[in-house]
Amino acid sequence: MPIDMEHRLTVVEDRSKSNTRRIEDLEKRQDNLDDLVSTVKVLATREESVENDVKEIKRDVKDLTNKPAKRWEGVVEKVIMLVVAAVVGFILAKIGLA
């Protein structure tokens, strides 16, 4: 084999080995990227679930904080009705209808 051909063949073999290592490195990086994408998908799903839970908790807290106000409104309404009934009863008693 002529020396030039032998040299060229050695260069090609070296380049082939180098390319093989680079391809293996790229495959590892691609596997890592695929893992990262999968992890991000899982995190996005969990984040959505947490967001829904937070919305539900906020609704529950709002309902709980509104309960005392609703009760107070009911008590006030009943007191007003009682006062009005007493006034009407007093007026009816004064005019002799009761």
C-alpha atoms as a PDB file:
ATOM      1  CA  MET A   1       0.000   0.000   0.000  1.00  0.00           C
ATOM      2  CA  PRO A   2       1.440   3.364  -0.815  1.00  0.00           C
ATOM      3  CA  ILE A   3       2.292   5.578   2.129  1.00  0.00           C
ATOM      4  CA  ASP A   4      -0.199   8.248   1.073  1.00  0.00           C
ATOM      5  CA  MET A   5      -3.083   5.733   1.076  1.00  0.00           C
ATOM      6  CA  GLU A   6      -2.024   4.363   4.427  1.00  0.00           C
ATOM      7  CA  HIS A   7      -1.892   7.855   5.882  1.00  0.00           C
ATOM      8  CA  ARG A   8      -5.316   8.698   4.484  1.00  0.00           C
ATOM      9  CA  LEU A   9      -6.764   5.485   5.855  1.00  0.00           C
ATOM     10  CA  THR A  10      -5.335   6.245   9.309  1.00  0.00           C
ATOM     11  CA  VAL A  11      -6.843   9.749   9.184  1.00  0.00           C
ATOM     12  CA  VAL A  12     -10.235   8.339   8.199  1.00  0.00           C
ATOM     13  CA  GLU A  13     -10.108   5.754  11.000  1.00  0.00           C
ATOM     14  CA  ASP A  14      -9.189   8.439  13.546  1.00  0.00           C
ATOM     15  CA  ARG A  15     -11.976  10.658  12.309  1.00  0.00           C
ATOM     16  CA  SER A  16     -14.372   7.713  12.505  1.00  0.00           C
ATOM     17  CA  LYS A  17     -13.418   7.074  16.137  1.00  0.00           C
ATOM     18  CA  SER A  18     -13.802  10.763  16.935  1.00  0.00           C
ATOM     19  CA  ASN A  19     -17.193  10.903  15.230  1.00  0.00           C
ATOM     20  CA  THR A  20     -18.306   7.781  17.086  1.00  0.00           C
ATOM     21  CA  ARG A  21     -17.428   9.417  20.434  1.00  0.00           C
ATOM     22  CA  ARG A  22     -19.196  12.625  19.430  1.00  0.00           C
ATOM     23  CA  ILE A  23     -22.310  10.699  18.389  1.00  0.00           C
ATOM     24  CA  GLU A  24     -22.306   8.805  21.690  1.00  0.00           C
ATOM     25  CA  ASP A  25     -22.010  12.112  23.567  1.00  0.00           C
ATOM     26  CA  LEU A  26     -24.870  13.559  21.528  1.00  0.00           C
ATOM     27  CA  GLU A  27     -27.009  10.491  22.248  1.00  0.00           C
ATOM     28  CA  LYS A  28     -26.387  10.946  25.979  1.00  0.00           C
ATOM     29  CA  ARG A  29     -27.295  14.623  25.740  1.00  0.00           C
ATOM     30  CA  GLN A  30     -30.441  13.785  23.799  1.00  0.00           C
ATOM     31  CA  ASP A  31     -31.415  11.197  26.423  1.00  0.00           C
ATOM     32  CA  ASN A  32     -30.894  13.852  29.110  1.00  0.00           C
ATOM     33  CA  LEU A  33     -33.053  16.296  27.155  1.00  0.00           C
ATOM     34  CA  ASP A  34     -35.774  13.669  26.771  1.00  0.00           C
ATOM     35  CA  ASP A  35     -35.689  13.065  30.532  1.00  0.00           C
ATOM     36  CA  LEU A  36     -35.906  16.800  31.138  1.00  0.00           C
ATOM     37  CA  VAL A  37     -38.926  17.131  28.840  1.00  0.00           C
ATOM     38  CA  SER A  38     -40.669  14.283  30.648  1.00  0.00           C
ATOM     39  CA  THR A  39     -39.922  15.865  34.013  1.00  0.00           C
ATOM     40  CA  VAL A  40     -41.254  19.238  32.869  1.00  0.00           C
ATOM     41  CA  LYS A  41     -44.471  17.579  31.671  1.00  0.00           C
ATOM     42  CA  VAL A  42     -44.944  15.925  35.060  1.00  0.00           C
ATOM     43  CA  LEU A  43     -44.241  19.206  36.857  1.00  0.00           C
ATOM     44  CA  ALA A  44     -46.727  21.049  34.639  1.00  0.00           C
ATOM     45  CA  THR A  45     -49.404  18.486  35.444  1.00  0.00           C
ATOM     46  CA  ARG A  46     -48.685  18.729  39.165  1.00  0.00           C
ATOM     47  CA  GLU A  47     -48.668  22.545  39.011  1.00  0.00           C
ATOM     48  CA  GLU A  48     -52.088  22.491  37.370  1.00  0.00           C
ATOM     49  CA  SER A  49     -53.371  20.197  40.100  1.00  0.00           C
ATOM     50  CA  VAL A  50     -51.940  22.460  42.808  1.00  0.00           C
ATOM     51  CA  GLU A  51     -53.508  25.487  41.122  1.00  0.00           C
ATOM     52  CA  ASN A  52     -56.914  23.801  41.146  1.00  0.00           C
ATOM     53  CA  ASP A  53     -56.481  22.862  44.804  1.00  0.00           C
ATOM     54  CA  VAL A  54     -55.563  26.451  45.702  1.00  0.00           C
ATOM     55  CA  LYS A  55     -58.661  27.751  43.895  1.00  0.00           C
ATOM     56  CA  GLU A  56     -60.824  25.289  45.804  1.00  0.00           C
ATOM     57  CA  ILE A  57     -59.224  26.265  49.118  1.00  0.00           C
ATOM     58  CA  LYS A  58     -59.785  29.953  48.353  1.00  0.00           C
ATOM     59  CA  ARG A  59     -63.475  29.264  47.647  1.00  0.00           C
ATOM     60  CA  ASP A  60     -63.801  27.322  50.903  1.00  0.00           C
ATOM     61  CA  VAL A  61     -62.107  30.071  52.922  1.00  0.00           C
ATOM     62  CA  LYS A  62     -64.329  32.699  51.311  1.00  0.00           C
ATOM     63  CA  ASP A  63     -67.428  30.643  52.155  1.00  0.00           C
ATOM     64  CA  LEU A  64     -66.245  30.215  55.745  1.00  0.00           C
ATOM     65  CA  THR A  65     -65.545  33.913  56.181  1.00  0.00           C
ATOM     66  CA  ASN A  66     -68.966  34.798  54.747  1.00  0.00           C
ATOM     67  CA  LYS A  67     -70.874  32.506  57.149  1.00  0.00           C
ATOM     68  CA  PRO A  68     -70.671  34.812  60.196  1.00  0.00           C
ATOM     69  CA  ALA A  69     -71.773  37.778  58.065  1.00  0.00           C
ATOM     70  CA  LYS A  70     -74.780  35.816  56.789  1.00  0.00           C
ATOM     71  CA  ARG A  71     -75.687  34.800  60.328  1.00  0.00           C
ATOM     72  CA  TRP A  72     -75.404  38.387  61.538  1.00  0.00           C
ATOM     73  CA  GLU A  73     -77.614  39.580  58.664  1.00  0.00           C
ATOM     74  CA  GLY A  74     -80.209  36.960  59.626  1.00  0.00           C
ATOM     75  CA  VAL A  75     -80.174  38.050  63.274  1.00  0.00           C
ATOM     76  CA  VAL A  76     -80.506  41.725  62.321  1.00  0.00           C
ATOM     77  CA  GLU A  77     -83.376  40.904  59.954  1.00  0.00           C
ATOM     78  CA  LYS A  78     -85.219  39.022  62.705  1.00  0.00           C
ATOM     79  CA  VAL A  79     -84.687  41.838  65.227  1.00  0.00           C
ATOM     80  CA  ILE A  80     -86.043  44.389  62.743  1.00  0.00           C
ATOM     81  CA  MET A  81     -89.088  42.207  62.059  1.00  0.00           C
ATOM     82  CA  LEU A  82     -89.654  41.845  65.813  1.00  0.00           C
ATOM     83  CA  VAL A  83     -89.427  45.607  66.350  1.00  0.00           C
ATOM     84  CA  VAL A  84     -91.802  46.294  63.430  1.00  0.00           C
ATOM     85  CA  ALA A  85     -94.263  43.679  64.749  1.00  0.00           C
ATOM     86  CA  ALA A  86     -94.099  45.221  68.215  1.00  0.00           C
ATOM     87  CA  VAL A  87     -94.703  48.721  66.834  1.00  0.00           C
ATOM     88  CA  VAL A  88     -97.626  47.500  64.691  1.00  0.00           C
ATOM     89  CA  GLY A  89     -99.047  45.617  67.667  1.00  0.00           C
ATOM     90  CA  PHE A  90     -98.696  48.701  69.869  1.00  0.00           C
ATOM     91  CA  ILE A  91    -100.424  50.891  67.254  1.00  0.00           C
ATOM     92  CA  LEU A  92    -103.229  48.355  66.798  1.00  0.00           C
ATOM     93  CA  ALA A  93    -103.668  48.169  70.582  1.00  0.00           C
ATOM     94  CA  LYS A  94    -103.852  51.957  70.829  1.00  0.00           C
ATOM     95  CA  ILE A  95    -106.552  52.232  68.212  1.00  0.00           C
ATOM     96  CA  GLY A  96    -108.440  49.361  69.714  1.00  0.00           C
ATOM     97  CA  LEU A  97    -108.045  46.760  66.982  1.00  0.00           C
ATOM     98  CA  ALA A  98    -106.006  44.346  68.994  1.00  0.00           C
END
